[in-house]
PDB file of N, CA and C in Angstrom:
ATOM      1  N   UNK A   1     121.966 117.661  33.122  1.00  0.00           N
ATOM      2  CA  UNK A   1     121.549 116.821  32.021  1.00  0.00           C
ATOM      3  C   UNK A   1     120.481 117.552  31.230  1.00  0.00           C
ATOM      4  N   UNK A   2     120.684 117.548  29.935  1.00  0.00           N
ATOM      5  CA  UNK A   2     119.704 118.124  29.016  1.00  0.00           C
ATOM      6  C   UNK A   2     119.128 116.986  28.184  1.00  0.00           C
ATOM      7  N   UNK A   3     117.815 117.025  27.939  1.00  0.00           N
ATOM      8  CA  UNK A   3     117.154 116.019  27.117  1.00  0.00           C
ATOM      9  C   UNK A   3     116.375 116.732  26.019  1.00  0.00           C
ATOM     10  N   UNK A   4     116.589 116.289  24.787  1.00  0.00           N
ATOM     11  CA  UNK A   4     115.902 116.851  23.624  1.00  0.00           C
ATOM     12  C   UNK A   4     115.226 115.689  22.897  1.00  0.00           C
ATOM     13  N   UNK A   5     113.932 115.814  22.662  1.00  0.00           N
ATOM     14  CA  UNK A   5     113.174 114.753  22.001  1.00  0.00           C
ATOM     15  C   UNK A   5     112.715 115.253  20.650  1.00  0.00           C
ATOM     16  N   UNK A   6     112.985 114.453  19.611  1.00  0.00           N
ATOM     17  CA  UNK A   6     112.592 114.834  18.255  1.00  0.00           C
ATOM     18  C   UNK A   6     112.060 113.613  17.509  1.00  0.00           C
ATOM     19  N   UNK A   7     111.318 113.873  16.440  1.00  0.00           N
ATOM     20  CA  UNK A   7     110.740 112.814  15.611  1.00  0.00           C
ATOM     21  C   UNK A   7     111.786 112.288  14.632  1.00  0.00           C
ATOM     22  N   UNK A   8     111.813 110.974  14.461  1.00  0.00           N
ATOM     23  CA  UNK A   8     112.569 110.371  13.362  1.00  0.00           C
ATOM     24  C   UNK A   8     111.612 110.039  12.219  1.00  0.00           C
ATOM     25  N   UNK A   9     110.517 109.383  12.565  1.00  0.00           N
ATOM     26  CA  UNK A   9     109.434 109.102  11.628  1.00  0.00           C
ATOM     27  C   UNK A   9     108.180 108.828  12.457  1.00  0.00           C
ATOM     28  N   UNK A  10     107.120 108.342  11.833  1.00  0.00           N
ATOM     29  CA  UNK A  10     105.854 108.150  12.543  1.00  0.00           C
ATOM     30  C   UNK A  10     105.958 107.188  13.727  1.00  0.00           C
ATOM     31  N   UNK A  11     106.851 106.213  13.618  1.00  0.00           N
ATOM     32  CA  UNK A  11     106.956 105.196  14.666  1.00  0.00           C
ATOM     33  C   UNK A  11     108.196 105.363  15.540  1.00  0.00           C
ATOM     34  N   UNK A  12     109.015 106.371  15.256  1.00  0.00           N
ATOM     35  CA  UNK A  12     110.311 106.461  15.928  1.00  0.00           C
ATOM     36  C   UNK A  12     110.598 107.853  16.474  1.00  0.00           C
ATOM     37  N   UNK A  13     111.288 107.872  17.613  1.00  0.00           N
ATOM     38  CA  UNK A  13     111.719 109.131  18.231  1.00  0.00           C
ATOM     39  C   UNK A  13     113.221 109.056  18.495  1.00  0.00           C
ATOM     40  N   UNK A  14     113.832 110.223  18.484  1.00  0.00           N
ATOM     41  CA  UNK A  14     115.232 110.370  18.880  1.00  0.00           C
ATOM     42  C   UNK A  14     115.247 111.144  20.192  1.00  0.00           C
ATOM     43  N   UNK A  15     115.948 110.600  21.154  1.00  0.00           N
ATOM     44  CA  UNK A  15     116.127 111.252  22.444  1.00  0.00           C
ATOM     45  C   UNK A  15     117.612 111.599  22.552  1.00  0.00           C
ATOM     46  N   UNK A  16     117.920 112.876  22.571  1.00  0.00           N
ATOM     47  CA  UNK A  16     119.312 113.314  22.675  1.00  0.00           C
ATOM     48  C   UNK A  16     119.590 113.700  24.121  1.00  0.00           C
ATOM     49  N   UNK A  17     120.630 113.096  24.675  1.00  0.00           N
ATOM     50  CA  UNK A  17     121.037 113.377  26.043  1.00  0.00           C
ATOM     51  C   UNK A  17     122.369 114.100  26.044  1.00  0.00           C
ATOM     52  N   UNK A  18     122.485 115.120  26.879  1.00  0.00           N
ATOM     53  CA  UNK A  18     123.721 115.906  26.968  1.00  0.00           C
ATOM     54  C   UNK A  18     124.019 116.146  28.442  1.00  0.00           C
ATOM     55  N   UNK A  19     125.205 115.705  28.864  1.00  0.00           N
ATOM     56  CA  UNK A  19     125.613 115.938  30.246  1.00  0.00           C
ATOM     57  C   UNK A  19     125.955 114.653  30.956  1.00  0.00           C
ATOM     58  N   UNK A  20     125.834 114.687  32.271  1.00  0.00           N
ATOM     59  CA  UNK A  20     126.158 113.535  33.107  1.00  0.00           C
ATOM     60  C   UNK A  20     124.887 112.786  33.455  1.00  0.00           C
ATOM     61  N   UNK A  21     124.911 111.478  33.228  1.00  0.00           N
ATOM     62  CA  UNK A  21     123.769 110.631  33.558  1.00  0.00           C
ATOM     63  C   UNK A  21     124.015 110.022  34.944  1.00  0.00           C
ATOM     64  N   UNK A  22     124.097 110.935  35.918  1.00  0.00           N
ATOM     65  CA  UNK A  22     124.278 110.561  37.315  1.00  0.00           C
ATOM     66  C   UNK A  22     122.914 110.615  38.002  1.00  0.00           C
ATOM     67  N   UNK A  23     122.880 110.700  39.316  1.00  0.00           N
ATOM     68  CA  UNK A  23     121.596 110.725  40.028  1.00  0.00           C
ATOM     69  C   UNK A  23     120.738 111.905  39.576  1.00  0.00           C
ATOM     70  N   UNK A  24     121.324 113.086  39.537  1.00  0.00           N
ATOM     71  CA  UNK A  24     120.561 114.278  39.130  1.00  0.00           C
ATOM     72  C   UNK A  24     120.131 114.183  37.671  1.00  0.00           C
ATOM     73  N   UNK A  25     121.009 113.717  36.796  1.00  0.00           N
ATOM     74  CA  UNK A  25     120.681 113.578  35.380  1.00  0.00           C
ATOM     75  C   UNK A  25     119.604 112.541  35.145  1.00  0.00           C
ATOM     76  N   UNK A  26     119.695 111.425  35.867  1.00  0.00           N
ATOM     77  CA  UNK A  26     118.695 110.368  35.722  1.00  0.00           C
ATOM     78  C   UNK A  26     117.319 110.864  36.159  1.00  0.00           C
ATOM     79  N   UNK A  27     117.291 111.682  37.188  1.00  0.00           N
ATOM     80  CA  UNK A  27     116.014 112.241  37.651  1.00  0.00           C
ATOM     81  C   UNK A  27     115.379 113.123  36.567  1.00  0.00           C
ATOM     82  N   UNK A  28     116.214 113.880  35.854  1.00  0.00           N
ATOM     83  CA  UNK A  28     115.695 114.765  34.803  1.00  0.00           C
ATOM     84  C   UNK A  28     115.133 113.993  33.612  1.00  0.00           C
ATOM     85  N   UNK A  29     115.729 112.842  33.284  1.00  0.00           N
ATOM     86  CA  UNK A  29     115.287 112.103  32.097  1.00  0.00           C
ATOM     87  C   UNK A  29     114.222 111.062  32.401  1.00  0.00           C
ATOM     88  N   UNK A  30     113.986 110.764  33.656  1.00  0.00           N
ATOM     89  CA  UNK A  30     113.098 109.668  34.049  1.00  0.00           C
ATOM     90  C   UNK A  30     111.742 109.722  33.353  1.00  0.00           C
ATOM     91  N   UNK A  31     110.969 110.728  33.594  1.00  0.00           N
ATOM     92  CA  UNK A  31     109.616 110.806  33.031  1.00  0.00           C
ATOM     93  C   UNK A  31     109.610 110.993  31.507  1.00  0.00           C
ATOM     94  N   UNK A  32     110.416 111.920  30.950  1.00  0.00           N
ATOM     95  CA  UNK A  32     110.381 112.066  29.487  1.00  0.00           C
ATOM     96  C   UNK A  32     110.793 110.787  28.750  1.00  0.00           C
ATOM     97  N   UNK A  33     111.830 110.100  29.230  1.00  0.00           N
ATOM     98  CA  UNK A  33     112.279 108.877  28.565  1.00  0.00           C
ATOM     99  C   UNK A  33     111.235 107.779  28.692  1.00  0.00           C
ATOM    100  N   UNK A  34     110.657 107.630  29.869  1.00  0.00           N
ATOM    101  CA  UNK A  34     109.612 106.613  30.062  1.00  0.00           C
ATOM    102  C   UNK A  34     108.404 106.889  29.170  1.00  0.00           C
ATOM    103  N   UNK A  35     108.045 108.146  29.017  1.00  0.00           N
ATOM    104  CA  UNK A  35     106.907 108.523  28.169  1.00  0.00           C
ATOM    105  C   UNK A  35     107.180 108.170  26.713  1.00  0.00           C
ATOM    106  N   UNK A  36     108.364 108.507  26.226  1.00  0.00           N
ATOM    107  CA  UNK A  36     108.731 108.183  24.840  1.00  0.00           C
ATOM    108  C   UNK A  36     108.761 106.669  24.647  1.00  0.00           C
ATOM    109  N   UNK A  37     109.379 105.957  25.581  1.00  0.00           N
ATOM    110  CA  UNK A  37     109.503 104.497  25.455  1.00  0.00           C
ATOM    111  C   UNK A  37     108.135 103.817  25.459  1.00  0.00           C
ATOM    112  N   UNK A  38     107.187 104.381  26.174  1.00  0.00           N
ATOM    113  CA  UNK A  38     105.859 103.794  26.235  1.00  0.00           C
ATOM    114  C   UNK A  38     104.949 104.170  25.089  1.00  0.00           C
ATOM    115  N   UNK A  39     105.366 105.158  24.304  1.00  0.00           N
ATOM    116  CA  UNK A  39     104.471 105.647  23.245  1.00  0.00           C
ATOM    117  C   UNK A  39     104.995 105.432  21.830  1.00  0.00           C
ATOM    118  N   UNK A  40     106.206 104.961  21.675  1.00  0.00           N
ATOM    119  CA  UNK A  40     106.774 104.771  20.332  1.00  0.00           C
ATOM    120  C   UNK A  40     107.279 103.356  20.156  1.00  0.00           C
ATOM    121  N   UNK A  41     107.218 102.891  18.916  1.00  0.00           N
ATOM    122  CA  UNK A  41     107.721 101.554  18.621  1.00  0.00           C
ATOM    123  C   UNK A  41     109.239 101.527  18.664  1.00  0.00           C
ATOM    124  N   UNK A  42     109.886 102.530  18.097  1.00  0.00           N
ATOM    125  CA  UNK A  42     111.350 102.573  18.035  1.00  0.00           C
ATOM    126  C   UNK A  42     111.873 103.835  18.701  1.00  0.00           C
ATOM    127  N   UNK A  43     112.970 103.671  19.440  1.00  0.00           N
ATOM    128  CA  UNK A  43     113.580 104.798  20.131  1.00  0.00           C
ATOM    129  C   UNK A  43     115.090 104.732  19.928  1.00  0.00           C
ATOM    130  N   UNK A  44     115.661 105.873  19.536  1.00  0.00           N
ATOM    131  CA  UNK A  44     117.110 106.027  19.435  1.00  0.00           C
ATOM    132  C   UNK A  44     117.526 107.044  20.486  1.00  0.00           C
ATOM    133  N   UNK A  45     118.465 106.653  21.341  1.00  0.00           N
ATOM    134  CA  UNK A  45     118.985 107.568  22.346  1.00  0.00           C
ATOM    135  C   UNK A  45     120.376 107.994  21.901  1.00  0.00           C
ATOM    136  N   UNK A  46     120.499 109.260  21.511  1.00  0.00           N
ATOM    137  CA  UNK A  46     121.773 109.824  21.070  1.00  0.00           C
ATOM    138  C   UNK A  46     122.600 110.139  22.315  1.00  0.00           C
ATOM    139  N   UNK A  47     123.685 109.393  22.499  1.00  0.00           N
ATOM    140  CA  UNK A  47     124.493 109.474  23.714  1.00  0.00           C
ATOM    141  C   UNK A  47     125.829 110.181  23.502  1.00  0.00           C
ATOM    142  N   UNK A  48     126.046 110.780  22.346  1.00  0.00           N
ATOM    143  CA  UNK A  48     127.344 111.381  22.054  1.00  0.00           C
ATOM    144  C   UNK A  48     127.708 112.475  23.059  1.00  0.00           C
ATOM    145  N   UNK A  49     126.717 113.121  23.646  1.00  0.00           N
ATOM    146  CA  UNK A  49     126.967 114.201  24.592  1.00  0.00           C
ATOM    147  C   UNK A  49     126.984 113.764  26.048  1.00  0.00           C
ATOM    148  N   UNK A  50     126.912 112.454  26.295  1.00  0.00           N
ATOM    149  CA  UNK A  50     126.924 111.948  27.680  1.00  0.00           C
ATOM    150  C   UNK A  50     128.360 111.585  28.034  1.00  0.00           C
ATOM    151  N   UNK A  51     128.920 112.294  29.025  1.00  0.00           N
ATOM    152  CA  UNK A  51     130.319 112.050  29.379  1.00  0.00           C
ATOM    153  C   UNK A  51     130.490 111.231  30.653  1.00  0.00           C
ATOM    154  N   UNK A  52     129.390 110.840  31.296  1.00  0.00           N
ATOM    155  CA  UNK A  52     129.448 110.012  32.495  1.00  0.00           C
ATOM    156  C   UNK A  52     128.127 109.291  32.646  1.00  0.00           C
ATOM    157  N   UNK A  53     128.171 108.018  33.069  1.00  0.00           N
ATOM    158  CA  UNK A  53     126.941 107.274  33.326  1.00  0.00           C
ATOM    159  C   UNK A  53     127.101 106.496  34.632  1.00  0.00           C
ATOM    160  N   UNK A  54     126.121 106.637  35.507  1.00  0.00           N
ATOM    161  CA  UNK A  54     126.091 105.917  36.775  1.00  0.00           C
ATOM    162  C   UNK A  54     125.068 104.790  36.668  1.00  0.00           C
ATOM    163  N   UNK A  55     125.042 103.932  37.666  1.00  0.00           N
ATOM    164  CA  UNK A  55     124.130 102.787  37.636  1.00  0.00           C
ATOM    165  C   UNK A  55     122.667 103.217  37.539  1.00  0.00           C
ATOM    166  N   UNK A  56     122.297 104.317  38.151  1.00  0.00           N
ATOM    167  CA  UNK A  56     120.913 104.795  38.071  1.00  0.00           C
ATOM    168  C   UNK A  56     120.569 105.215  36.637  1.00  0.00           C
ATOM    169  N   UNK A  57     121.529 105.770  35.920  1.00  0.00           N
ATOM    170  CA  UNK A  57     121.316 106.117  34.521  1.00  0.00           C
ATOM    171  C   UNK A  57     121.146 104.874  33.668  1.00  0.00           C
ATOM    172  N   UNK A  58     121.967 103.862  33.947  1.00  0.00           N
ATOM    173  CA  UNK A  58     121.841 102.590  33.234  1.00  0.00           C
ATOM    174  C   UNK A  58     120.460 101.993  33.490  1.00  0.00           C
ATOM    175  N   UNK A  59     120.007 102.076  34.724  1.00  0.00           N
ATOM    176  CA  UNK A  59     118.696 101.528  35.084  1.00  0.00           C
ATOM    177  C   UNK A  59     117.593 102.165  34.252  1.00  0.00           C
ATOM    178  N   UNK A  60     117.621 103.474  34.087  1.00  0.00           N
ATOM    179  CA  UNK A  60     116.584 104.151  33.302  1.00  0.00           C
ATOM    180  C   UNK A  60     116.640 103.720  31.836  1.00  0.00           C
ATOM    181  N   UNK A  61     117.835 103.539  31.297  1.00  0.00           N
ATOM    182  CA  UNK A  61     117.950 103.077  29.915  1.00  0.00           C
ATOM    183  C   UNK A  61     117.407 101.657  29.769  1.00  0.00           C
ATOM    184  N   UNK A  62     117.733 100.778  30.720  1.00  0.00           N
ATOM    185  CA  UNK A  62     117.256  99.395  30.667  1.00  0.00           C
ATOM    186  C   UNK A  62     115.734  99.340  30.779  1.00  0.00           C
ATOM    187  N   UNK A  63     115.170 100.116  31.677  1.00  0.00           N
ATOM    188  CA  UNK A  63     113.707 100.121  31.821  1.00  0.00           C
ATOM    189  C   UNK A  63     113.025 100.617  30.553  1.00  0.00           C
ATOM    190  N   UNK A  64     113.594 101.644  29.921  1.00  0.00           N
ATOM    191  CA  UNK A  64     113.035 102.148  28.666  1.00  0.00           C
ATOM    192  C   UNK A  64     113.165 101.100  27.561  1.00  0.00           C
ATOM    193  N   UNK A  65     114.312 100.433  27.511  1.00  0.00           N
ATOM    194  CA  UNK A  65     114.520  99.395  26.496  1.00  0.00           C
ATOM    195  C   UNK A  65     113.520  98.255  26.669  1.00  0.00           C
ATOM    196  N   UNK A  66     113.245  97.883  27.896  1.00  0.00           N
ATOM    197  CA  UNK A  66     112.265  96.818  28.150  1.00  0.00           C
ATOM    198  C   UNK A  66     110.868  97.242  27.708  1.00  0.00           C
ATOM    199  N   UNK A  67     110.503  98.493  27.958  1.00  0.00           N
ATOM    200  CA  UNK A  67     109.191  98.992  27.541  1.00  0.00           C
ATOM    201  C   UNK A  67     109.058  98.951  26.025  1.00  0.00           C
ATOM    202  N   UNK A  68     110.083  99.367  25.320  1.00  0.00           N
ATOM    203  CA  UNK A  68     110.064  99.349  23.853  1.00  0.00           C
ATOM    204  C   UNK A  68     110.019  97.907  23.346  1.00  0.00           C
ATOM    205  N   UNK A  69     110.776  97.036  23.977  1.00  0.00           N
ATOM    206  CA  UNK A  69     110.811  95.629  23.581  1.00  0.00           C
ATOM    207  C   UNK A  69     109.437  94.961  23.739  1.00  0.00           C
ATOM    208  N   UNK A  70     108.721  95.310  24.799  1.00  0.00           N
ATOM    209  CA  UNK A  70     107.378  94.740  25.000  1.00  0.00           C
ATOM    210  C   UNK A  70     106.432  95.102  23.857  1.00  0.00           C
ATOM    211  N   UNK A  71     106.696  96.226  23.184  1.00  0.00           N
ATOM    212  CA  UNK A  71     105.878  96.649  22.038  1.00  0.00           C
ATOM    213  C   UNK A  71     106.485  96.158  20.723  1.00  0.00           C
ATOM    214  N   UNK A  72     107.446  95.224  20.827  1.00  0.00           N
ATOM    215  CA  UNK A  72     108.145  94.665  19.659  1.00  0.00           C
ATOM    216  C   UNK A  72     108.882  95.724  18.863  1.00  0.00           C
ATOM    217  N   UNK A  73     109.383  96.729  19.548  1.00  0.00           N
ATOM    218  CA  UNK A  73     110.144  97.783  18.899  1.00  0.00           C
ATOM    219  C   UNK A  73     111.637  97.612  19.120  1.00  0.00           C
ATOM    220  N   UNK A  74     112.385  98.584  18.641  1.00  0.00           N
ATOM    221  CA  UNK A  74     113.847  98.586  18.772  1.00  0.00           C
ATOM    222  C   UNK A  74     114.257  99.787  19.621  1.00  0.00           C
ATOM    223  N   UNK A  75     115.188  99.561  20.528  1.00  0.00           N
ATOM    224  CA  UNK A  75     115.755 100.600  21.377  1.00  0.00           C
ATOM    225  C   UNK A  75     117.255 100.589  21.113  1.00  0.00           C
ATOM    226  N   UNK A  76     117.784 101.703  20.601  1.00  0.00           N
ATOM    227  CA  UNK A  76     119.192 101.773  20.204  1.00  0.00           C
ATOM    228  C   UNK A  76     119.885 102.936  20.885  1.00  0.00           C
ATOM    229  N   UNK A  77     121.165 102.754  21.162  1.00  0.00           N
ATOM    230  CA  UNK A  77     122.008 103.842  21.658  1.00  0.00           C
ATOM    231  C   UNK A  77     122.908 104.286  20.520  1.00  0.00           C
ATOM    232  N   UNK A  78     122.896 105.573  20.222  1.00  0.00           N
ATOM    233  CA  UNK A  78     123.692 106.125  19.129  1.00  0.00           C
ATOM    234  C   UNK A  78     124.938 106.802  19.680  1.00  0.00           C
ATOM    235  N   UNK A  79     126.084 106.324  19.246  1.00  0.00           N
ATOM    236  CA  UNK A  79     127.382 106.943  19.498  1.00  0.00           C
ATOM    237  C   UNK A  79     127.707 107.286  20.947  1.00  0.00           C
ATOM    238  N   UNK A  80     127.568 106.336  21.884  1.00  0.00           N
ATOM    239  CA  UNK A  80     128.045 106.670  23.224  1.00  0.00           C
ATOM    240  C   UNK A  80     129.562 106.851  23.201  1.00  0.00           C
ATOM    241  N   UNK A  81     130.061 107.674  24.099  1.00  0.00           N
ATOM    242  CA  UNK A  81     131.505 107.909  24.179  1.00  0.00           C
ATOM    243  C   UNK A  81     132.206 106.592  24.525  1.00  0.00           C
ATOM    244  N   UNK A  82     133.515 106.530  24.275  1.00  0.00           N
ATOM    245  CA  UNK A  82     134.248 105.294  24.615  1.00  0.00           C
ATOM    246  C   UNK A  82     134.101 104.894  26.087  1.00  0.00           C
ATOM    247  N   UNK A  83     134.109 105.864  27.000  1.00  0.00           N
ATOM    248  CA  UNK A  83     133.971 105.545  28.423  1.00  0.00           C
ATOM    249  C   UNK A  83     132.591 104.963  28.722  1.00  0.00           C
ATOM    250  N   UNK A  84     131.547 105.570  28.180  1.00  0.00           N
ATOM    251  CA  UNK A  84     130.191 105.075  28.404  1.00  0.00           C
ATOM    252  C   UNK A  84     130.022 103.708  27.748  1.00  0.00           C
ATOM    253  N   UNK A  85     130.555 103.536  26.550  1.00  0.00           N
ATOM    254  CA  UNK A  85     130.504 102.237  25.873  1.00  0.00           C
ATOM    255  C   UNK A  85     131.166 101.171  26.726  1.00  0.00           C
ATOM    256  N   UNK A  86     132.332 101.472  27.271  1.00  0.00           N
ATOM    257  CA  UNK A  86     133.049 100.512  28.103  1.00  0.00           C
ATOM    258  C   UNK A  86     132.229 100.100  29.326  1.00  0.00           C
ATOM    259  N   UNK A  87     131.567 101.067  29.964  1.00  0.00           N
ATOM    260  CA  UNK A  87     130.730 100.760  31.132  1.00  0.00           C
ATOM    261  C   UNK A  87     129.594  99.819  30.728  1.00  0.00           C
ATOM    262  N   UNK A  88     128.929 100.106  29.622  1.00  0.00           N
ATOM    263  CA  UNK A  88     127.794  99.296  29.184  1.00  0.00           C
ATOM    264  C   UNK A  88     128.226  97.887  28.775  1.00  0.00           C
ATOM    265  N   UNK A  89     129.350  97.785  28.084  1.00  0.00           N
ATOM    266  CA  UNK A  89     129.859  96.475  27.666  1.00  0.00           C
ATOM    267  C   UNK A  89     130.319  95.679  28.889  1.00  0.00           C
ATOM    268  N   UNK A  90     131.015  96.328  29.805  1.00  0.00           N
ATOM    269  CA  UNK A  90     131.467  95.658  31.029  1.00  0.00           C
ATOM    270  C   UNK A  90     130.278  95.143  31.835  1.00  0.00           C
ATOM    271  N   UNK A  91     129.173  95.885  31.817  1.00  0.00           N
ATOM    272  CA  UNK A  91     127.961  95.466  32.524  1.00  0.00           C
ATOM    273  C   UNK A  91     127.211  94.360  31.775  1.00  0.00           C
ATOM    274  N   UNK A  92     127.657  94.032  30.563  1.00  0.00           N
ATOM    275  CA  UNK A  92     127.021  92.971  29.781  1.00  0.00           C
ATOM    276  C   UNK A  92     125.692  93.368  29.167  1.00  0.00           C
ATOM    277  N   UNK A  93     125.548  94.635  28.821  1.00  0.00           N
ATOM    278  CA  UNK A  93     124.265  95.148  28.335  1.00  0.00           C
ATOM    279  C   UNK A  93     124.213  95.394  26.834  1.00  0.00           C
ATOM    280  N   UNK A  94     125.212  94.943  26.086  1.00  0.00           N
ATOM    281  CA  UNK A  94     125.229  95.254  24.658  1.00  0.00           C
ATOM    282  C   UNK A  94     124.091  94.585  23.887  1.00  0.00           C
ATOM    283  N   UNK A  95     123.500  93.515  24.409  1.00  0.00           N
ATOM    284  CA  UNK A  95     122.348  92.894  23.743  1.00  0.00           C
ATOM    285  C   UNK A  95     121.072  93.688  24.034  1.00  0.00           C
ATOM    286  N   UNK A  96     120.893  94.093  25.277  1.00  0.00           N
ATOM    287  CA  UNK A  96     119.690  94.821  25.666  1.00  0.00           C
ATOM    288  C   UNK A  96     119.734  96.268  25.197  1.00  0.00           C
ATOM    289  N   UNK A  97     120.934  96.845  25.172  1.00  0.00           N
ATOM    290  CA  UNK A  97     121.128  98.239  24.765  1.00  0.00           C
ATOM    291  C   UNK A  97     122.086  98.273  23.578  1.00  0.00           C
ATOM    292  N   UNK A  98     121.625  97.849  22.381  1.00  0.00           N
ATOM    293  CA  UNK A  98     122.518  97.808  21.228  1.00  0.00           C
ATOM    294  C   UNK A  98     123.050  99.198  20.866  1.00  0.00           C
ATOM    295  N   UNK A  99     124.316  99.219  20.486  1.00  0.00           N
ATOM    296  CA  UNK A  99     124.987 100.465  20.118  1.00  0.00           C
ATOM    297  C   UNK A  99     125.125 100.526  18.606  1.00  0.00           C
ATOM    298  N   UNK A 100     124.730 101.663  18.042  1.00  0.00           N
ATOM    299  CA  UNK A 100     124.915 101.921  16.615  1.00  0.00           C
ATOM    300  C   UNK A 100     125.776 103.174  16.470  1.00  0.00           C
ATOM    301  N   UNK A 101     126.450 103.274  15.346  1.00  0.00           N
ATOM    302  CA  UNK A 101     127.394 104.375  15.145  1.00  0.00           C
ATOM    303  C   UNK A 101     127.021 105.318  14.020  1.00  0.00           C
ATOM    304  N   UNK A 102     125.915 105.044  13.292  1.00  0.00           N
ATOM    305  CA  UNK A 102     125.554 105.915  12.167  1.00  0.00           C
ATOM    306  C   UNK A 102     124.054 105.860  11.900  1.00  0.00           C
ATOM    307  N   UNK A 103     123.578 106.821  11.127  1.00  0.00           N
ATOM    308  CA  UNK A 103     122.174 106.852  10.713  1.00  0.00           C
ATOM    309  C   UNK A 103     121.834 105.613   9.883  1.00  0.00           C
ATOM    310  N   UNK A 104     122.790 105.171   9.065  1.00  0.00           N
ATOM    311  CA  UNK A 104     122.580 103.968   8.257  1.00  0.00           C
ATOM    312  C   UNK A 104     122.361 102.740   9.118  1.00  0.00           C
ATOM    313  N   UNK A 105     123.120 102.637  10.200  1.00  0.00           N
ATOM    314  CA  UNK A 105     122.940 101.508  11.115  1.00  0.00           C
ATOM    315  C   UNK A 105     121.585 101.566  11.819  1.00  0.00           C
ATOM    316  N   UNK A 106     121.112 102.784  12.101  1.00  0.00           N
ATOM    317  CA  UNK A 106     119.781 102.932  12.700  1.00  0.00           C
ATOM    318  C   UNK A 106     118.728 102.393  11.747  1.00  0.00           C
ATOM    319  N   UNK A 107     118.777 102.823  10.488  1.00  0.00           N
ATOM    320  CA  UNK A 107     117.797 102.386   9.497  1.00  0.00           C
ATOM    321  C   UNK A 107     117.843 100.875   9.307  1.00  0.00           C
ATOM    322  N   UNK A 108     119.054 100.312   9.241  1.00  0.00           N
ATOM    323  CA  UNK A 108     119.185  98.858   9.066  1.00  0.00           C
ATOM    324  C   UNK A 108     118.607  98.118  10.269  1.00  0.00           C
ATOM    325  N   UNK A 109     118.844  98.603  11.470  1.00  0.00           N
ATOM    326  CA  UNK A 109     118.317  97.952  12.670  1.00  0.00           C
ATOM    327  C   UNK A 109     116.798  98.028  12.711  1.00  0.00           C
ATOM    328  N   UNK A 110     116.217  99.155  12.315  1.00  0.00           N
ATOM    329  CA  UNK A 110     114.771  99.305  12.338  1.00  0.00           C
ATOM    330  C   UNK A 110     114.106  98.410  11.296  1.00  0.00           C
ATOM    331  N   UNK A 111     114.791  98.122  10.190  1.00  0.00           N
ATOM    332  CA  UNK A 111     114.221  97.303   9.140  1.00  0.00           C
ATOM    333  C   UNK A 111     114.350  95.814   9.413  1.00  0.00           C
ATOM    334  N   UNK A 112     115.233  95.447  10.351  1.00  0.00           N
ATOM    335  CA  UNK A 112     115.429  94.012  10.633  1.00  0.00           C
ATOM    336  C   UNK A 112     114.423  93.483  11.623  1.00  0.00           C
TER     337      UNK A 112
END
């Protein structure tokens, strides 16, 4: 798992994940994702490069989303693959982990 963190604007960060979000991948993203979620109002997690997600990976995303929510921010998942989307929807997490498909949708979500 590779994690790349970049600025979107003063209040927002983009976290790009590449690889498998399994036990080993979740361990790699744990601290960086928690740090970003605790320090920014809005967080976008670019999931286009994630080809597998396990329950431990979902747990880290949910914990980060809760941290952002406590600060009245938005936590969004950008372009997860169809398989990852199916896992998240089947788990009933589309409200807690909203999925967006474009930069325009990110901007609209942040403004609402």
